[in-house]
Amino acid sequence: MERHGLRSTSQRRIVTDVFFRSSGHLSIEELLVLVRERDPKIGYATVYRTLKLLKESGLAYERHFGDGVSRYEIAVDDEHHDHLICMECGTIVEFENEEIERLQDELATRHGFKLKRHVHELYGVCGSCRKRAS
């Protein structure tokens, strides 16, 4: 945290340690549960403020997947992925596809754009939910 100009406290260190050791897309509430396993005294506001600082410093991405919940993932500069989101159970699957990336670049070039970033989210129903529905 100090390398990014952020003041480090013992509680922030716990929050960041748990966040960076976790995988997936965590809500504040989900991260709070994991953090309280290490220190039950850490409150919601500390987790919220720490994630906000991580986001503002470029160390975390905030994602919105249509369920009204902010989720956070570790920001990795050289790693790009897109998301499949189940509209029934909320499962999030990360995927990478070079062909999709190539087509996006071609489309942007054709229209005179230089891509800086993009967010690709596909919403549907996962196989497990489709099986349950049948």
N, C-alpha and C. Protein backbone atom coordinates (compact mmCIF):
# COMPACT_ATOMS: atom_id res chain seq x y z
N MET A 1 0.82 -1.19 0.00
CA MET A 1 0.00 0.00 0.00
C MET A 1 0.87 1.25 0.00
N GLU A 2 1.96 1.18 0.73
CA GLU A 2 2.82 2.35 0.82
C GLU A 2 3.38 2.73 -0.55
N ARG A 3 3.68 1.72 -1.39
CA ARG A 3 4.22 1.99 -2.73
C ARG A 3 3.26 2.82 -3.56
N HIS A 4 1.99 2.75 -3.25
CA HIS A 4 0.97 3.50 -3.99
C HIS A 4 0.51 4.74 -3.22
N GLY A 5 1.28 5.13 -2.19
CA GLY A 5 0.98 6.35 -1.45
C GLY A 5 -0.19 6.23 -0.49
N LEU A 6 -0.53 5.01 -0.09
CA LEU A 6 -1.65 4.81 0.82
C LEU A 6 -1.14 4.54 2.22
N ARG A 7 -1.74 5.20 3.20
CA ARG A 7 -1.36 4.99 4.60
C ARG A 7 -1.74 3.58 5.00
N SER A 8 -0.83 2.90 5.64
CA SER A 8 -1.06 1.51 6.02
C SER A 8 -1.32 1.40 7.52
N THR A 9 -2.47 0.83 7.85
CA THR A 9 -2.79 0.54 9.24
C THR A 9 -2.89 -0.98 9.37
N SER A 10 -2.91 -1.47 10.59
CA SER A 10 -2.98 -2.93 10.77
C SER A 10 -4.28 -3.48 10.19
N GLN A 11 -5.39 -2.76 10.36
CA GLN A 11 -6.66 -3.24 9.81
C GLN A 11 -6.65 -3.19 8.28
N ARG A 12 -6.11 -2.15 7.70
CA ARG A 12 -6.02 -2.08 6.23
C ARG A 12 -5.14 -3.20 5.69
N ARG A 13 -4.06 -3.50 6.41
CA ARG A 13 -3.18 -4.59 5.96
C ARG A 13 -3.92 -5.91 5.94
N ILE A 14 -4.75 -6.15 6.94
CA ILE A 14 -5.54 -7.38 6.98
C ILE A 14 -6.52 -7.40 5.81
N VAL A 15 -7.23 -6.30 5.59
CA VAL A 15 -8.21 -6.24 4.49
C VAL A 15 -7.51 -6.49 3.15
N THR A 16 -6.39 -5.81 2.92
CA THR A 16 -5.71 -5.98 1.63
C THR A 16 -5.12 -7.37 1.50
N ASP A 17 -4.59 -7.93 2.58
CA ASP A 17 -4.05 -9.29 2.53
C ASP A 17 -5.14 -10.29 2.15
N VAL A 18 -6.28 -10.20 2.81
CA VAL A 18 -7.39 -11.12 2.51
C VAL A 18 -7.87 -10.90 1.08
N PHE A 19 -8.01 -9.65 0.66
CA PHE A 19 -8.48 -9.36 -0.70
C PHE A 19 -7.53 -9.95 -1.74
N PHE A 20 -6.23 -9.70 -1.60
CA PHE A 20 -5.28 -10.16 -2.61
C PHE A 20 -5.05 -11.67 -2.56
N ARG A 21 -5.43 -12.33 -1.48
CA ARG A 21 -5.33 -13.79 -1.41
C ARG A 21 -6.61 -14.47 -1.89
N SER A 22 -7.66 -13.69 -2.08
CA SER A 22 -8.95 -14.23 -2.52
C SER A 22 -8.98 -14.26 -4.04
N SER A 23 -9.91 -15.05 -4.54
CA SER A 23 -10.09 -15.08 -5.99
C SER A 23 -11.53 -14.74 -6.30
N GLY A 24 -11.77 -14.37 -7.53
CA GLY A 24 -13.13 -14.09 -7.94
C GLY A 24 -13.51 -12.64 -7.78
N HIS A 25 -14.79 -12.42 -7.62
CA HIS A 25 -15.38 -11.09 -7.60
C HIS A 25 -16.13 -10.94 -6.28
N LEU A 26 -15.49 -10.28 -5.32
CA LEU A 26 -16.05 -10.19 -3.97
C LEU A 26 -16.85 -8.92 -3.76
N SER A 27 -17.99 -9.05 -3.12
CA SER A 27 -18.73 -7.87 -2.65
C SER A 27 -18.08 -7.42 -1.35
N ILE A 28 -18.44 -6.23 -0.90
CA ILE A 28 -17.92 -5.74 0.38
C ILE A 28 -18.33 -6.69 1.49
N GLU A 29 -19.59 -7.14 1.45
CA GLU A 29 -20.09 -8.03 2.50
C GLU A 29 -19.34 -9.36 2.51
N GLU A 30 -19.05 -9.91 1.33
CA GLU A 30 -18.31 -11.18 1.26
C GLU A 30 -16.90 -11.01 1.78
N LEU A 31 -16.25 -9.91 1.42
CA LEU A 31 -14.90 -9.65 1.92
C LEU A 31 -14.92 -9.43 3.43
N LEU A 32 -15.93 -8.75 3.93
CA LEU A 32 -16.05 -8.50 5.37
C LEU A 32 -16.11 -9.82 6.15
N VAL A 33 -16.87 -10.78 5.65
CA VAL A 33 -16.95 -12.10 6.32
C VAL A 33 -15.56 -12.73 6.39
N LEU A 34 -14.83 -12.70 5.29
CA LEU A 34 -13.48 -13.29 5.26
C LEU A 34 -12.52 -12.54 6.18
N VAL A 35 -12.61 -11.22 6.18
CA VAL A 35 -11.73 -10.39 7.01
C VAL A 35 -12.00 -10.64 8.49
N ARG A 36 -13.27 -10.78 8.85
CA ARG A 36 -13.61 -10.98 10.27
C ARG A 36 -13.17 -12.34 10.79
N GLU A 37 -12.84 -13.27 9.90
CA GLU A 37 -12.25 -14.53 10.36
C GLU A 37 -10.86 -14.27 10.94
N ARG A 38 -10.19 -13.23 10.46
CA ARG A 38 -8.87 -12.86 10.97
C ARG A 38 -8.94 -11.86 12.11
N ASP A 39 -9.89 -10.93 12.03
CA ASP A 39 -10.04 -9.91 13.07
C ASP A 39 -11.51 -9.50 13.15
N PRO A 40 -12.24 -10.05 14.13
CA PRO A 40 -13.67 -9.77 14.24
C PRO A 40 -14.02 -8.30 14.51
N LYS A 41 -13.02 -7.49 14.89
CA LYS A 41 -13.29 -6.09 15.21
C LYS A 41 -13.33 -5.19 13.98
N ILE A 42 -12.88 -5.68 12.84
CA ILE A 42 -12.86 -4.85 11.63
C ILE A 42 -14.29 -4.64 11.15
N GLY A 43 -14.63 -3.38 10.90
CA GLY A 43 -15.99 -3.04 10.51
C GLY A 43 -16.18 -2.85 9.02
N TYR A 44 -17.44 -2.73 8.66
CA TYR A 44 -17.84 -2.54 7.27
C TYR A 44 -17.16 -1.31 6.67
N ALA A 45 -17.15 -0.21 7.42
CA ALA A 45 -16.59 1.04 6.90
C ALA A 45 -15.11 0.90 6.55
N THR A 46 -14.36 0.14 7.35
CA THR A 46 -12.94 -0.07 7.07
C THR A 46 -12.76 -0.84 5.76
N VAL A 47 -13.56 -1.88 5.57
CA VAL A 47 -13.48 -2.67 4.33
C VAL A 47 -13.87 -1.79 3.15
N TYR A 48 -14.96 -1.06 3.29
CA TYR A 48 -15.44 -0.17 2.22
C TYR A 48 -14.37 0.85 1.84
N ARG A 49 -13.82 1.54 2.83
CA ARG A 49 -12.83 2.58 2.56
C ARG A 49 -11.55 1.99 1.96
N THR A 50 -11.14 0.82 2.43
CA THR A 50 -9.93 0.19 1.89
C THR A 50 -10.14 -0.20 0.44
N LEU A 51 -11.28 -0.79 0.11
CA LEU A 51 -11.55 -1.14 -1.29
C LEU A 51 -11.62 0.10 -2.16
N LYS A 52 -12.20 1.17 -1.63
CA LYS A 52 -12.27 2.42 -2.38
C LYS A 52 -10.86 2.93 -2.68
N LEU A 53 -9.98 2.88 -1.69
CA LEU A 53 -8.59 3.31 -1.90
C LEU A 53 -7.88 2.42 -2.91
N LEU A 54 -8.10 1.11 -2.82
CA LEU A 54 -7.48 0.18 -3.78
C LEU A 54 -7.97 0.47 -5.19
N LYS A 55 -9.25 0.75 -5.32
CA LYS A 55 -9.82 1.08 -6.63
C LYS A 55 -9.23 2.39 -7.16
N GLU A 56 -9.21 3.41 -6.33
CA GLU A 56 -8.70 4.72 -6.75
C GLU A 56 -7.22 4.68 -7.11
N SER A 57 -6.47 3.77 -6.50
CA SER A 57 -5.04 3.67 -6.79
C SER A 57 -4.75 2.69 -7.93
N GLY A 58 -5.80 2.10 -8.51
CA GLY A 58 -5.62 1.20 -9.64
C GLY A 58 -5.26 -0.22 -9.28
N LEU A 59 -5.39 -0.58 -8.00
CA LEU A 59 -5.06 -1.93 -7.57
C LEU A 59 -6.25 -2.88 -7.59
N ALA A 60 -7.45 -2.33 -7.73
CA ALA A 60 -8.67 -3.15 -7.78
C ALA A 60 -9.64 -2.54 -8.79
N TYR A 61 -10.43 -3.41 -9.39
CA TYR A 61 -11.50 -2.96 -10.29
C TYR A 61 -12.83 -3.17 -9.59
N GLU A 62 -13.72 -2.19 -9.75
CA GLU A 62 -15.08 -2.35 -9.26
C GLU A 62 -15.93 -2.79 -10.44
N ARG A 63 -16.71 -3.85 -10.24
CA ARG A 63 -17.55 -4.39 -11.31
C ARG A 63 -19.01 -4.36 -10.88
N HIS A 64 -19.88 -4.17 -11.85
CA HIS A 64 -21.33 -4.21 -11.63
C HIS A 64 -21.90 -5.21 -12.63
N PHE A 65 -22.53 -6.25 -12.13
CA PHE A 65 -23.04 -7.32 -12.98
C PHE A 65 -24.56 -7.37 -13.02
N GLY A 66 -25.20 -6.24 -12.88
CA GLY A 66 -26.64 -6.17 -13.06
C GLY A 66 -27.49 -6.61 -11.88
N ASP A 67 -26.86 -6.92 -10.75
CA ASP A 67 -27.64 -7.35 -9.58
C ASP A 67 -27.67 -6.28 -8.49
N GLY A 68 -27.16 -5.10 -8.80
CA GLY A 68 -27.17 -4.01 -7.83
C GLY A 68 -26.07 -4.09 -6.79
N VAL A 69 -25.15 -5.04 -6.93
CA VAL A 69 -24.08 -5.23 -5.95
C VAL A 69 -22.74 -4.88 -6.61
N SER A 70 -21.96 -4.04 -5.95
CA SER A 70 -20.60 -3.77 -6.43
C SER A 70 -19.72 -4.94 -6.03
N ARG A 71 -18.95 -5.41 -6.98
CA ARG A 71 -18.00 -6.50 -6.72
C ARG A 71 -16.61 -6.02 -7.13
N TYR A 72 -15.62 -6.54 -6.45
CA TYR A 72 -14.26 -6.08 -6.66
C TYR A 72 -13.37 -7.25 -7.05
N GLU A 73 -12.44 -6.97 -7.97
CA GLU A 73 -11.45 -7.97 -8.35
C GLU A 73 -10.09 -7.30 -8.44
N ILE A 74 -9.07 -8.09 -8.29
CA ILE A 74 -7.70 -7.60 -8.34
C ILE A 74 -7.41 -7.07 -9.74
N ALA A 75 -6.81 -5.89 -9.82
CA ALA A 75 -6.45 -5.29 -11.11
C ALA A 75 -5.09 -5.83 -11.52
N VAL A 76 -5.07 -6.47 -12.67
CA VAL A 76 -3.82 -6.98 -13.23
C VAL A 76 -3.66 -6.35 -14.60
N ASP A 77 -2.64 -5.49 -14.76
CA ASP A 77 -2.49 -4.71 -15.99
C ASP A 77 -2.35 -5.55 -17.24
N ASP A 78 -1.56 -6.61 -17.18
CA ASP A 78 -1.28 -7.36 -18.40
C ASP A 78 -2.25 -8.53 -18.61
N GLU A 79 -3.28 -8.60 -17.82
CA GLU A 79 -4.23 -9.71 -17.94
C GLU A 79 -5.62 -9.14 -18.18
N HIS A 80 -6.19 -9.51 -19.33
CA HIS A 80 -7.55 -9.06 -19.64
C HIS A 80 -8.46 -10.27 -19.73
N HIS A 81 -9.65 -10.13 -19.21
CA HIS A 81 -10.64 -11.20 -19.35
C HIS A 81 -12.03 -10.58 -19.43
N ASP A 82 -12.95 -11.36 -19.91
CA ASP A 82 -14.34 -10.94 -20.01
C ASP A 82 -15.17 -11.83 -19.09
N HIS A 83 -16.49 -11.58 -19.04
CA HIS A 83 -17.32 -12.29 -18.07
C HIS A 83 -18.59 -12.85 -18.69
N LEU A 84 -18.95 -14.06 -18.25
CA LEU A 84 -20.27 -14.65 -18.46
C LEU A 84 -20.97 -14.58 -17.12
N ILE A 85 -22.19 -14.05 -17.07
CA ILE A 85 -22.90 -13.88 -15.81
C ILE A 85 -24.24 -14.58 -15.88
N CYS A 86 -24.50 -15.49 -14.92
CA CYS A 86 -25.79 -16.18 -14.86
C CYS A 86 -26.80 -15.25 -14.20
N MET A 87 -27.91 -15.03 -14.89
CA MET A 87 -28.94 -14.13 -14.39
C MET A 87 -29.82 -14.80 -13.33
N GLU A 88 -29.68 -16.11 -13.16
CA GLU A 88 -30.47 -16.82 -12.16
C GLU A 88 -29.74 -16.91 -10.82
N CYS A 89 -28.51 -17.45 -10.85
CA CYS A 89 -27.80 -17.70 -9.58
C CYS A 89 -26.65 -16.73 -9.32
N GLY A 90 -26.28 -15.92 -10.32
CA GLY A 90 -25.22 -14.95 -10.13
C GLY A 90 -23.82 -15.47 -10.37
N THR A 91 -23.68 -16.72 -10.82
CA THR A 91 -22.36 -17.26 -11.12
C THR A 91 -21.66 -16.38 -12.14
N ILE A 92 -20.38 -16.14 -11.92
CA ILE A 92 -19.58 -15.33 -12.84
C ILE A 92 -18.43 -16.20 -13.34
N VAL A 93 -18.33 -16.32 -14.65
CA VAL A 93 -17.26 -17.10 -15.27
C VAL A 93 -16.38 -16.13 -16.05
N GLU A 94 -15.08 -16.17 -15.77
CA GLU A 94 -14.14 -15.35 -16.52
C GLU A 94 -13.68 -16.14 -17.73
N PHE A 95 -13.52 -15.45 -18.87
CA PHE A 95 -13.00 -16.13 -20.05
C PHE A 95 -12.13 -15.17 -20.86
N GLU A 96 -11.26 -15.77 -21.65
CA GLU A 96 -10.41 -15.02 -22.57
C GLU A 96 -10.59 -15.64 -23.94
N ASN A 97 -10.66 -14.80 -24.97
CA ASN A 97 -10.80 -15.30 -26.33
C ASN A 97 -10.10 -14.33 -27.27
N GLU A 98 -9.00 -14.78 -27.84
CA GLU A 98 -8.20 -13.94 -28.73
C GLU A 98 -8.97 -13.52 -29.97
N GLU A 99 -9.85 -14.39 -30.46
CA GLU A 99 -10.64 -14.07 -31.66
C GLU A 99 -11.58 -12.89 -31.38
N ILE A 100 -12.22 -12.90 -30.22
CA ILE A 100 -13.09 -11.77 -29.85
C ILE A 100 -12.27 -10.49 -29.75
N GLU A 101 -11.11 -10.57 -29.13
CA GLU A 101 -10.26 -9.39 -28.98
C GLU A 101 -9.84 -8.87 -30.36
N ARG A 102 -9.47 -9.78 -31.26
CA ARG A 102 -9.06 -9.38 -32.61
C ARG A 102 -10.21 -8.70 -33.35
N LEU A 103 -11.41 -9.28 -33.25
CA LEU A 103 -12.57 -8.70 -33.92
C LEU A 103 -12.90 -7.31 -33.37
N GLN A 104 -12.78 -7.12 -32.07
CA GLN A 104 -13.02 -5.80 -31.46
C GLN A 104 -12.02 -4.78 -31.99
N ASP A 105 -10.75 -5.19 -32.08
CA ASP A 105 -9.73 -4.28 -32.61
C ASP A 105 -10.01 -3.92 -34.06
N GLU A 106 -10.40 -4.91 -34.87
CA GLU A 106 -10.72 -4.65 -36.27
C GLU A 106 -11.90 -3.69 -36.39
N LEU A 107 -12.93 -3.92 -35.60
CA LEU A 107 -14.12 -3.06 -35.63
C LEU A 107 -13.76 -1.63 -35.24
N ALA A 108 -12.97 -1.48 -34.20
CA ALA A 108 -12.55 -0.14 -33.76
C ALA A 108 -11.75 0.55 -34.85
N THR A 109 -10.81 -0.16 -35.46
CA THR A 109 -9.98 0.42 -36.52
C THR A 109 -10.84 0.84 -37.71
N ARG A 110 -11.78 -0.01 -38.07
CA ARG A 110 -12.67 0.28 -39.21
C ARG A 110 -13.44 1.59 -38.98
N HIS A 111 -13.74 1.90 -37.73
CA HIS A 111 -14.49 3.10 -37.42
C HIS A 111 -13.61 4.25 -36.92
N GLY A 112 -12.29 4.09 -37.07
CA GLY A 112 -11.37 5.15 -36.71
C GLY A 112 -11.10 5.30 -35.23
N PHE A 113 -11.36 4.25 -34.45
CA PHE A 113 -11.15 4.30 -33.00
C PHE A 113 -9.83 3.63 -32.64
N LYS A 114 -9.21 4.13 -31.59
CA LYS A 114 -8.08 3.46 -30.95
C LYS A 114 -8.58 3.03 -29.59
N LEU A 115 -8.74 1.72 -29.40
CA LEU A 115 -9.28 1.21 -28.13
C LEU A 115 -8.32 1.46 -26.98
N LYS A 116 -8.85 1.91 -25.87
CA LYS A 116 -8.09 2.09 -24.63
C LYS A 116 -8.45 1.01 -23.62
N ARG A 117 -9.73 0.68 -23.56
CA ARG A 117 -10.21 -0.37 -22.67
C ARG A 117 -11.61 -0.75 -23.10
N HIS A 118 -12.09 -1.85 -22.58
CA HIS A 118 -13.47 -2.25 -22.81
C HIS A 118 -13.93 -3.19 -21.72
N VAL A 119 -15.22 -3.32 -21.60
CA VAL A 119 -15.83 -4.26 -20.66
C VAL A 119 -16.78 -5.12 -21.48
N HIS A 120 -16.57 -6.42 -21.42
CA HIS A 120 -17.40 -7.34 -22.19
C HIS A 120 -18.08 -8.28 -21.19
N GLU A 121 -19.39 -8.15 -21.06
CA GLU A 121 -20.16 -8.97 -20.13
C GLU A 121 -21.30 -9.61 -20.90
N LEU A 122 -21.41 -10.93 -20.80
CA LEU A 122 -22.48 -11.68 -21.46
C LEU A 122 -23.40 -12.23 -20.39
N TYR A 123 -24.69 -11.93 -20.49
CA TYR A 123 -25.67 -12.36 -19.50
C TYR A 123 -26.52 -13.49 -20.07
N GLY A 124 -26.74 -14.51 -19.26
CA GLY A 124 -27.56 -15.65 -19.68
C GLY A 124 -27.88 -16.52 -18.49
N VAL A 125 -28.14 -17.80 -18.75
CA VAL A 125 -28.46 -18.76 -17.69
C VAL A 125 -27.45 -19.90 -17.79
N CYS A 126 -26.79 -20.19 -16.68
CA CYS A 126 -25.75 -21.22 -16.66
C CYS A 126 -26.37 -22.62 -16.81
N GLY A 127 -25.51 -23.59 -17.10
CA GLY A 127 -25.96 -24.96 -17.28
C GLY A 127 -26.64 -25.54 -16.05
N SER A 128 -26.13 -25.25 -14.87
CA SER A 128 -26.74 -25.77 -13.64
C SER A 128 -28.16 -25.25 -13.47
N CYS A 129 -28.37 -23.97 -13.70
CA CYS A 129 -29.71 -23.39 -13.56
C CYS A 129 -30.65 -23.91 -14.64
N ARG A 130 -30.14 -24.12 -15.84
CA ARG A 130 -30.98 -24.66 -16.91
C ARG A 130 -31.41 -26.09 -16.59
N LYS A 131 -30.50 -26.87 -15.98
CA LYS A 131 -30.86 -28.25 -15.59
C LYS A 131 -31.93 -28.24 -14.51
N ARG A 132 -31.78 -27.34 -13.53
CA ARG A 132 -32.76 -27.25 -12.45
C ARG A 132 -34.14 -26.86 -12.97
N ALA A 133 -34.16 -26.04 -14.03
CA ALA A 133 -35.43 -25.55 -14.57
C ALA A 133 -36.16 -26.62 -15.39
N SER A 134 -35.41 -27.64 -15.86
CA SER A 134 -36.08 -28.66 -16.70
C SER A 134 -36.68 -29.78 -15.90
